[in-house]
PDB file of N, CA and C in Angstrom:
ATOM      1  N   MET A   1      19.359  10.409  27.024  1.00  0.00           N
ATOM      2  CA  MET A   1      18.497   9.353  26.523  1.00  0.00           C
ATOM      3  C   MET A   1      17.295   9.993  25.831  1.00  0.00           C
ATOM      4  N   LEU A   2      16.992   9.527  24.630  1.00  0.00           N
ATOM      5  CA  LEU A   2      15.895  10.092  23.860  1.00  0.00           C
ATOM      6  C   LEU A   2      14.533   9.563  24.273  1.00  0.00           C
ATOM      7  N   VAL A   3      14.474   8.319  24.691  1.00  0.00           N
ATOM      8  CA  VAL A   3      13.207   7.693  25.045  1.00  0.00           C
ATOM      9  C   VAL A   3      13.169   7.451  26.551  1.00  0.00           C
ATOM     10  N   PRO A   4      12.189   8.045  27.239  1.00  0.00           N
ATOM     11  CA  PRO A   4      12.100   7.793  28.676  1.00  0.00           C
ATOM     12  C   PRO A   4      11.737   6.337  28.948  1.00  0.00           C
ATOM     13  N   PRO A   5      12.386   5.697  29.914  1.00  0.00           N
ATOM     14  CA  PRO A   5      12.137   4.273  30.165  1.00  0.00           C
ATOM     15  C   PRO A   5      10.783   3.975  30.784  1.00  0.00           C
ATOM     16  N   GLN A   6      10.113   4.962  31.371  1.00  0.00           N
ATOM     17  CA  GLN A   6       8.849   4.704  32.055  1.00  0.00           C
ATOM     18  C   GLN A   6       7.635   4.715  31.123  1.00  0.00           C
ATOM     19  N   VAL A   7       7.837   4.923  29.820  1.00  0.00           N
ATOM     20  CA  VAL A   7       6.716   4.943  28.877  1.00  0.00           C
ATOM     21  C   VAL A   7       6.259   3.518  28.600  1.00  0.00           C
ATOM     22  N   ASP A   8       4.952   3.302  28.671  1.00  0.00           N
ATOM     23  CA  ASP A   8       4.372   1.991  28.382  1.00  0.00           C
ATOM     24  C   ASP A   8       4.086   1.916  26.876  1.00  0.00           C
ATOM     25  N   TRP A   9       5.053   1.411  26.131  1.00  0.00           N
ATOM     26  CA  TRP A   9       4.953   1.392  24.675  1.00  0.00           C
ATOM     27  C   TRP A   9       3.875   0.442  24.181  1.00  0.00           C
ATOM     28  N   MET A  10       3.601  -0.637  24.888  1.00  0.00           N
ATOM     29  CA  MET A  10       2.551  -1.555  24.467  1.00  0.00           C
ATOM     30  C   MET A  10       1.172  -0.892  24.573  1.00  0.00           C
ATOM     31  N   ALA A  11       0.972  -0.077  25.583  1.00  0.00           N
ATOM     32  CA  ALA A  11      -0.295   0.642  25.706  1.00  0.00           C
ATOM     33  C   ALA A  11      -0.442   1.648  24.570  1.00  0.00           C
ATOM     34  N   TRP A  12       0.644   2.330  24.224  1.00  0.00           N
ATOM     35  CA  TRP A  12       0.600   3.275  23.110  1.00  0.00           C
ATOM     36  C   TRP A  12       0.322   2.566  21.798  1.00  0.00           C
ATOM     37  N   ALA A  13       0.912   1.387  21.608  1.00  0.00           N
ATOM     38  CA  ALA A  13       0.677   0.629  20.381  1.00  0.00           C
ATOM     39  C   ALA A  13      -0.797   0.232  20.282  1.00  0.00           C
ATOM     40  N   GLY A  14      -1.397  -0.167  21.392  1.00  0.00           N
ATOM     41  CA  GLY A  14      -2.816  -0.508  21.382  1.00  0.00           C
ATOM     42  C   GLY A  14      -3.697   0.682  21.053  1.00  0.00           C
ATOM     43  N   ARG A  15      -3.357   1.831  21.597  1.00  0.00           N
ATOM     44  CA  ARG A  15      -4.145   3.040  21.311  1.00  0.00           C
ATOM     45  C   ARG A  15      -4.030   3.435  19.843  1.00  0.00           C
ATOM     46  N   LEU A  16      -2.825   3.359  19.297  1.00  0.00           N
ATOM     47  CA  LEU A  16      -2.643   3.697  17.888  1.00  0.00           C
ATOM     48  C   LEU A  16      -3.380   2.715  16.987  1.00  0.00           C
ATOM     49  N   ASN A  17      -3.376   1.454  17.365  1.00  0.00           N
ATOM     50  CA  ASN A  17      -4.102   0.460  16.587  1.00  0.00           C
ATOM     51  C   ASN A  17      -5.603   0.752  16.602  1.00  0.00           C
ATOM     52  N   GLN A  18      -6.135   1.092  17.743  1.00  0.00           N
ATOM     53  CA  GLN A  18      -7.558   1.430  17.843  1.00  0.00           C
ATOM     54  C   GLN A  18      -7.874   2.693  17.055  1.00  0.00           C
ATOM     55  N   ALA A  19      -6.986   3.673  17.119  1.00  0.00           N
ATOM     56  CA  ALA A  19      -7.221   4.932  16.417  1.00  0.00           C
ATOM     57  C   ALA A  19      -7.162   4.760  14.905  1.00  0.00           C
ATOM     58  N   SER A  20      -6.534   3.704  14.424  1.00  0.00           N
ATOM     59  CA  SER A  20      -6.423   3.504  12.976  1.00  0.00           C
ATOM     60  C   SER A  20      -7.719   2.996  12.361  1.00  0.00           C
ATOM     61  N   LEU A  21      -8.672   2.569  13.164  1.00  0.00           N
ATOM     62  CA  LEU A  21      -9.911   2.030  12.618  1.00  0.00           C
ATOM     63  C   LEU A  21     -10.728   3.095  11.889  1.00  0.00           C
ATOM     64  N   LEU A  22     -10.856   4.268  12.451  1.00  0.00           N
ATOM     65  CA  LEU A  22     -11.669   5.309  11.813  1.00  0.00           C
ATOM     66  C   LEU A  22     -11.110   5.747  10.458  1.00  0.00           C
ATOM     67  N   PRO A  23      -9.804   6.008  10.329  1.00  0.00           N
ATOM     68  CA  PRO A  23      -9.299   6.343   8.989  1.00  0.00           C
ATOM     69  C   PRO A  23      -9.482   5.199   7.994  1.00  0.00           C
ATOM     70  N   PHE A  24      -9.356   3.948   8.454  1.00  0.00           N
ATOM     71  CA  PHE A  24      -9.542   2.821   7.542  1.00  0.00           C
ATOM     72  C   PHE A  24     -10.986   2.732   7.083  1.00  0.00           C
ATOM     73  N   LEU A  25     -11.937   2.930   7.990  1.00  0.00           N
ATOM     74  CA  LEU A  25     -13.346   2.911   7.594  1.00  0.00           C
ATOM     75  C   LEU A  25     -13.668   4.064   6.648  1.00  0.00           C
ATOM     76  N   ALA A  26     -13.052   5.217   6.875  1.00  0.00           N
ATOM     77  CA  ALA A  26     -13.235   6.342   5.953  1.00  0.00           C
ATOM     78  C   ALA A  26     -12.653   6.010   4.579  1.00  0.00           C
ATOM     79  N   PHE A  27     -11.530   5.318   4.561  1.00  0.00           N
ATOM     80  CA  PHE A  27     -10.934   4.875   3.298  1.00  0.00           C
ATOM     81  C   PHE A  27     -11.882   3.931   2.556  1.00  0.00           C
ATOM     82  N   LEU A  28     -12.460   2.961   3.264  1.00  0.00           N
ATOM     83  CA  LEU A  28     -13.399   2.035   2.624  1.00  0.00           C
ATOM     84  C   LEU A  28     -14.638   2.756   2.107  1.00  0.00           C
ATOM     85  N   TRP A  29     -15.140   3.692   2.877  1.00  0.00           N
ATOM     86  CA  TRP A  29     -16.314   4.444   2.471  1.00  0.00           C
ATOM     87  C   TRP A  29     -16.020   5.236   1.204  1.00  0.00           C
ATOM     88  N   THR A  30     -14.844   5.869   1.163  1.00  0.00           N
ATOM     89  CA  THR A  30     -14.452   6.648  -0.008  1.00  0.00           C
ATOM     90  C   THR A  30     -14.218   5.735  -1.209  1.00  0.00           C
ATOM     91  N   LEU A  31     -13.579   4.605  -0.984  1.00  0.00           N
ATOM     92  CA  LEU A  31     -13.280   3.681  -2.072  1.00  0.00           C
ATOM     93  C   LEU A  31     -14.551   3.165  -2.736  1.00  0.00           C
ATOM     94  N   ARG A  32     -15.570   2.927  -1.953  1.00  0.00           N
ATOM     95  CA  ARG A  32     -16.828   2.421  -2.523  1.00  0.00           C
ATOM     96  C   ARG A  32     -17.545   3.471  -3.369  1.00  0.00           C
ATOM     97  N   ARG A  33     -17.240   4.727  -3.163  1.00  0.00           N
ATOM     98  CA  ARG A  33     -17.898   5.788  -3.919  1.00  0.00           C
ATOM     99  C   ARG A  33     -17.155   6.161  -5.197  1.00  0.00           C
ATOM    100  N   ILE A  34     -16.005   5.542  -5.441  1.00  0.00           N
ATOM    101  CA  ILE A  34     -15.268   5.793  -6.675  1.00  0.00           C
ATOM    102  C   ILE A  34     -15.835   4.854  -7.743  1.00  0.00           C
ATOM    103  N   PRO A  35     -16.447   5.389  -8.778  1.00  0.00           N
ATOM    104  CA  PRO A  35     -17.106   4.513  -9.757  1.00  0.00           C
ATOM    105  C   PRO A  35     -16.133   3.643 -10.556  1.00  0.00           C
ATOM    106  N   ASP A  36     -14.906   4.083 -10.738  1.00  0.00           N
ATOM    107  CA  ASP A  36     -13.939   3.328 -11.537  1.00  0.00           C
ATOM    108  C   ASP A  36     -13.080   2.388 -10.698  1.00  0.00           C
ATOM    109  N   ALA A  37     -13.351   2.289  -9.403  1.00  0.00           N
ATOM    110  CA  ALA A  37     -12.545   1.411  -8.545  1.00  0.00           C
ATOM    111  C   ALA A  37     -12.797  -0.044  -8.937  1.00  0.00           C
ATOM    112  N   PRO A  38     -11.735  -0.820  -9.141  1.00  0.00           N
ATOM    113  CA  PRO A  38     -11.927  -2.231  -9.486  1.00  0.00           C
ATOM    114  C   PRO A  38     -12.667  -2.971  -8.378  1.00  0.00           C
ATOM    115  N   ARG A  39     -13.624  -3.794  -8.772  1.00  0.00           N
ATOM    116  CA  ARG A  39     -14.449  -4.503  -7.791  1.00  0.00           C
ATOM    117  C   ARG A  39     -13.624  -5.442  -6.932  1.00  0.00           C
ATOM    118  N   ARG A  40     -12.616  -6.076  -7.521  1.00  0.00           N
ATOM    119  CA  ARG A  40     -11.766  -6.981  -6.741  1.00  0.00           C
ATOM    120  C   ARG A  40     -10.961  -6.229  -5.692  1.00  0.00           C
ATOM    121  N   THR A  41     -10.561  -5.029  -6.014  1.00  0.00           N
ATOM    122  CA  THR A  41      -9.830  -4.226  -5.043  1.00  0.00           C
ATOM    123  C   THR A  41     -10.719  -3.880  -3.859  1.00  0.00           C
ATOM    124  N   VAL A  42     -11.919  -3.439  -4.144  1.00  0.00           N
ATOM    125  CA  VAL A  42     -12.868  -3.105  -3.078  1.00  0.00           C
ATOM    126  C   VAL A  42     -13.172  -4.351  -2.243  1.00  0.00           C
ATOM    127  N   LEU A  43     -13.400  -5.479  -2.906  1.00  0.00           N
ATOM    128  CA  LEU A  43     -13.666  -6.728  -2.197  1.00  0.00           C
ATOM    129  C   LEU A  43     -12.472  -7.126  -1.334  1.00  0.00           C
ATOM    130  N   GLY A  44     -11.273  -6.974  -1.862  1.00  0.00           N
ATOM    131  CA  GLY A  44     -10.070  -7.325  -1.103  1.00  0.00           C
ATOM    132  C   GLY A  44      -9.928  -6.513   0.169  1.00  0.00           C
ATOM    133  N   TRP A  45     -10.186  -5.221   0.093  1.00  0.00           N
ATOM    134  CA  TRP A  45     -10.091  -4.393   1.292  1.00  0.00           C
ATOM    135  C   TRP A  45     -11.182  -4.736   2.299  1.00  0.00           C
ATOM    136  N   HIS A  46     -12.356  -5.091   1.832  1.00  0.00           N
ATOM    137  CA  HIS A  46     -13.420  -5.506   2.749  1.00  0.00           C
ATOM    138  C   HIS A  46     -13.095  -6.854   3.396  1.00  0.00           C
ATOM    139  N   LEU A  47     -12.498  -7.746   2.634  1.00  0.00           N
ATOM    140  CA  LEU A  47     -12.089  -9.028   3.213  1.00  0.00           C
ATOM    141  C   LEU A  47     -10.979  -8.835   4.239  1.00  0.00           C
ATOM    142  N   TYR A  48     -10.115  -7.856   4.006  1.00  0.00           N
ATOM    143  CA  TYR A  48      -9.085  -7.541   4.995  1.00  0.00           C
ATOM    144  C   TYR A  48      -9.734  -7.078   6.300  1.00  0.00           C
ATOM    145  N   LEU A  49     -10.756  -6.252   6.207  1.00  0.00           N
ATOM    146  CA  LEU A  49     -11.470  -5.811   7.409  1.00  0.00           C
ATOM    147  C   LEU A  49     -12.124  -6.994   8.110  1.00  0.00           C
ATOM    148  N   LEU A  50     -12.673  -7.932   7.347  1.00  0.00           N
ATOM    149  CA  LEU A  50     -13.253  -9.143   7.933  1.00  0.00           C
ATOM    150  C   LEU A  50     -12.174  -9.964   8.637  1.00  0.00           C
ATOM    151  N   PHE A  51     -11.010 -10.095   8.021  1.00  0.00           N
ATOM    152  CA  PHE A  51      -9.898 -10.817   8.650  1.00  0.00           C
ATOM    153  C   PHE A  51      -9.529 -10.192   9.994  1.00  0.00           C
ATOM    154  N   VAL A  52      -9.433  -8.881  10.041  1.00  0.00           N
ATOM    155  CA  VAL A  52      -9.098  -8.198  11.290  1.00  0.00           C
ATOM    156  C   VAL A  52     -10.202  -8.417  12.320  1.00  0.00           C
ATOM    157  N   ALA A  53     -11.463  -8.362  11.877  1.00  0.00           N
ATOM    158  CA  ALA A  53     -12.586  -8.552  12.802  1.00  0.00           C
ATOM    159  C   ALA A  53     -12.598  -9.965  13.393  1.00  0.00           C
ATOM    160  N   VAL A  54     -12.080 -10.944  12.666  1.00  0.00           N
ATOM    161  CA  VAL A  54     -12.020 -12.312  13.176  1.00  0.00           C
ATOM    162  C   VAL A  54     -10.760 -12.529  14.011  1.00  0.00           C
ATOM    163  N   ALA A  55      -9.653 -11.918  13.586  1.00  0.00           N
ATOM    164  CA  ALA A  55      -8.371 -12.143  14.260  1.00  0.00           C
ATOM    165  C   ALA A  55      -8.323 -11.526  15.654  1.00  0.00           C
ATOM    166  N   ILE A  56      -8.986 -10.419  15.860  1.00  0.00           N
ATOM    167  CA  ILE A  56      -8.935  -9.768  17.177  1.00  0.00           C
ATOM    168  C   ILE A  56      -9.588 -10.633  18.260  1.00  0.00           C
ATOM    169  N   PRO A  57     -10.822 -11.118  18.076  1.00  0.00           N
ATOM    170  CA  PRO A  57     -11.379 -12.005  19.110  1.00  0.00           C
ATOM    171  C   PRO A  57     -10.592 -13.304  19.272  1.00  0.00           C
ATOM    172  N   ALA A  58     -10.061 -13.828  18.166  1.00  0.00           N
ATOM    173  CA  ALA A  58      -9.259 -15.051  18.261  1.00  0.00           C
ATOM    174  C   ALA A  58      -7.997 -14.801  19.082  1.00  0.00           C
ATOM    175  N   GLY A  59      -7.375 -13.657  18.881  1.00  0.00           N
ATOM    176  CA  GLY A  59      -6.186 -13.322  19.667  1.00  0.00           C
ATOM    177  C   GLY A  59      -6.503 -13.131  21.137  1.00  0.00           C
ATOM    178  N   ILE A  60      -7.630 -12.507  21.421  1.00  0.00           N
ATOM    179  CA  ILE A  60      -8.046 -12.320  22.819  1.00  0.00           C
ATOM    180  C   ILE A  60      -8.327 -13.669  23.465  1.00  0.00           C
ATOM    181  N   TYR A  61      -8.990 -14.571  22.731  1.00  0.00           N
ATOM    182  CA  TYR A  61      -9.260 -15.909  23.247  1.00  0.00           C
ATOM    183  C   TYR A  61      -7.959 -16.643  23.553  1.00  0.00           C
ATOM    184  N   CYS A  62      -7.014 -16.589  22.641  1.00  0.00           N
ATOM    185  CA  CYS A  62      -5.738 -17.286  22.854  1.00  0.00           C
ATOM    186  C   CYS A  62      -5.023 -16.741  24.084  1.00  0.00           C
ATOM    187  N   LYS A  63      -5.034 -15.440  24.236  1.00  0.00           N
ATOM    188  CA  LYS A  63      -4.320 -14.833  25.365  1.00  0.00           C
ATOM    189  C   LYS A  63      -4.997 -15.160  26.692  1.00  0.00           C
ATOM    190  N   THR A  64      -6.344 -15.100  26.732  1.00  0.00           N
ATOM    191  CA  THR A  64      -7.041 -15.295  28.008  1.00  0.00           C
ATOM    192  C   THR A  64      -7.241 -16.760  28.352  1.00  0.00           C
ATOM    193  N   GLN A  65      -7.581 -17.595  27.372  1.00  0.00           N
ATOM    194  CA  GLN A  65      -7.904 -18.994  27.653  1.00  0.00           C
ATOM    195  C   GLN A  65      -6.710 -19.933  27.529  1.00  0.00           C
ATOM    196  N   LEU A  66      -5.812 -19.649  26.596  1.00  0.00           N
ATOM    197  CA  LEU A  66      -4.678 -20.536  26.368  1.00  0.00           C
ATOM    198  C   LEU A  66      -3.378 -20.012  26.971  1.00  0.00           C
ATOM    199  N   GLY A  67      -3.376 -18.729  27.341  1.00  0.00           N
ATOM    200  CA  GLY A  67      -2.224 -18.155  28.011  1.00  0.00           C
ATOM    201  C   GLY A  67      -1.039 -17.853  27.112  1.00  0.00           C
ATOM    202  N   THR A  68      -1.251 -17.737  25.819  1.00  0.00           N
ATOM    203  CA  THR A  68      -0.162 -17.437  24.900  1.00  0.00           C
ATOM    204  C   THR A  68      -0.699 -16.639  23.719  1.00  0.00           C
ATOM    205  N   SER A  69       0.183 -16.220  22.838  1.00  0.00           N
ATOM    206  CA  SER A  69      -0.258 -15.442  21.683  1.00  0.00           C
ATOM    207  C   SER A  69      -0.792 -16.366  20.593  1.00  0.00           C
ATOM    208  N   MET A  70      -1.543 -15.805  19.693  1.00  0.00           N
ATOM    209  CA  MET A  70      -2.157 -16.597  18.635  1.00  0.00           C
ATOM    210  C   MET A  70      -1.099 -17.212  17.714  1.00  0.00           C
ATOM    211  N   ALA A  71       0.014 -16.554  17.515  1.00  0.00           N
ATOM    212  CA  ALA A  71       1.065 -17.092  16.651  1.00  0.00           C
ATOM    213  C   ALA A  71       1.671 -18.371  17.220  1.00  0.00           C
ATOM    214  N   ASN A  72       1.503 -18.606  18.511  1.00  0.00           N
ATOM    215  CA  ASN A  72       2.062 -19.809  19.115  1.00  0.00           C
ATOM    216  C   ASN A  72       1.134 -21.015  19.044  1.00  0.00           C
ATOM    217  N   VAL A  73      -0.128 -20.813  18.682  1.00  0.00           N
ATOM    218  CA  VAL A  73      -1.071 -21.932  18.738  1.00  0.00           C
ATOM    219  C   VAL A  73      -1.820 -22.196  17.446  1.00  0.00           C
ATOM    220  N   ASP A  74      -1.740 -21.343  16.448  1.00  0.00           N
ATOM    221  CA  ASP A  74      -2.540 -21.596  15.253  1.00  0.00           C
ATOM    222  C   ASP A  74      -1.823 -22.503  14.267  1.00  0.00           C
ATOM    223  N   TRP A  75      -2.585 -23.201  13.454  1.00  0.00           N
ATOM    224  CA  TRP A  75      -2.026 -24.175  12.513  1.00  0.00           C
ATOM    225  C   TRP A  75      -1.306 -23.498  11.359  1.00  0.00           C
ATOM    226  N   ILE A  76      -1.602 -22.237  11.094  1.00  0.00           N
ATOM    227  CA  ILE A  76      -0.937 -21.538   9.997  1.00  0.00           C
ATOM    228  C   ILE A  76       0.555 -21.363  10.297  1.00  0.00           C
ATOM    229  N   HIS A  77       0.895 -21.138  11.543  1.00  0.00           N
ATOM    230  CA  HIS A  77       2.286 -20.939  11.921  1.00  0.00           C
ATOM    231  C   HIS A  77       2.989 -22.236  12.289  1.00  0.00           C
ATOM    232  N   GLY A  78       2.345 -23.356  12.107  1.00  0.00           N
ATOM    233  CA  GLY A  78       2.996 -24.648  12.298  1.00  0.00           C
ATOM    234  C   GLY A  78       2.929 -25.236  13.677  1.00  0.00           C
ATOM    235  N   GLU A  79       2.093 -24.708  14.525  1.00  0.00           N
ATOM    236  CA  GLU A  79       1.966 -25.239  15.881  1.00  0.00           C
ATOM    237  C   GLU A  79       0.598 -25.883  16.058  1.00  0.00           C
ATOM    238  N   ASP A  80       0.521 -26.860  16.922  1.00  0.00           N
ATOM    239  CA  ASP A  80      -0.763 -27.488  17.226  1.00  0.00           C
ATOM    240  C   ASP A  80      -1.484 -26.714  18.308  1.00  0.00           C
ATOM    241  N   VAL A  81      -2.789 -26.672  18.214  1.00  0.00           N
ATOM    242  CA  VAL A  81      -3.603 -26.006  19.219  1.00  0.00           C
ATOM    243  C   VAL A  81      -3.702 -26.932  20.428  1.00  0.00           C
ATOM    244  N   PRO A  82      -3.305 -26.457  21.611  1.00  0.00           N
ATOM    245  CA  PRO A  82      -3.438 -27.304  22.797  1.00  0.00           C
ATOM    246  C   PRO A  82      -4.892 -27.475  23.176  1.00  0.00           C
ATOM    247  N   LEU A  83      -5.289 -28.687  23.405  1.00  0.00           N
ATOM    248  CA  LEU A  83      -6.687 -28.963  23.788  1.00  0.00           C
ATOM    249  C   LEU A  83      -6.795 -29.381  25.230  1.00  0.00           C
TER     250      LEU A  83
END
């Protein structure tokens, strides 16, 4: 067997996701210093960072308060938010 069954893959996925923040911030910092970078491109990447900053607390709220994932309760995916 190539993959040991006792590895907690969800914990590893969370660590990798957290570790990706620093390279992304370095990318944004570098992108802003390129004088020929299209302004819409720079704005788009910053809006993506804003989306992630909003989605993470929303996902935590859904998991802790509603007991399910955000994809199961948001209106974008076609489900009603339980009140």
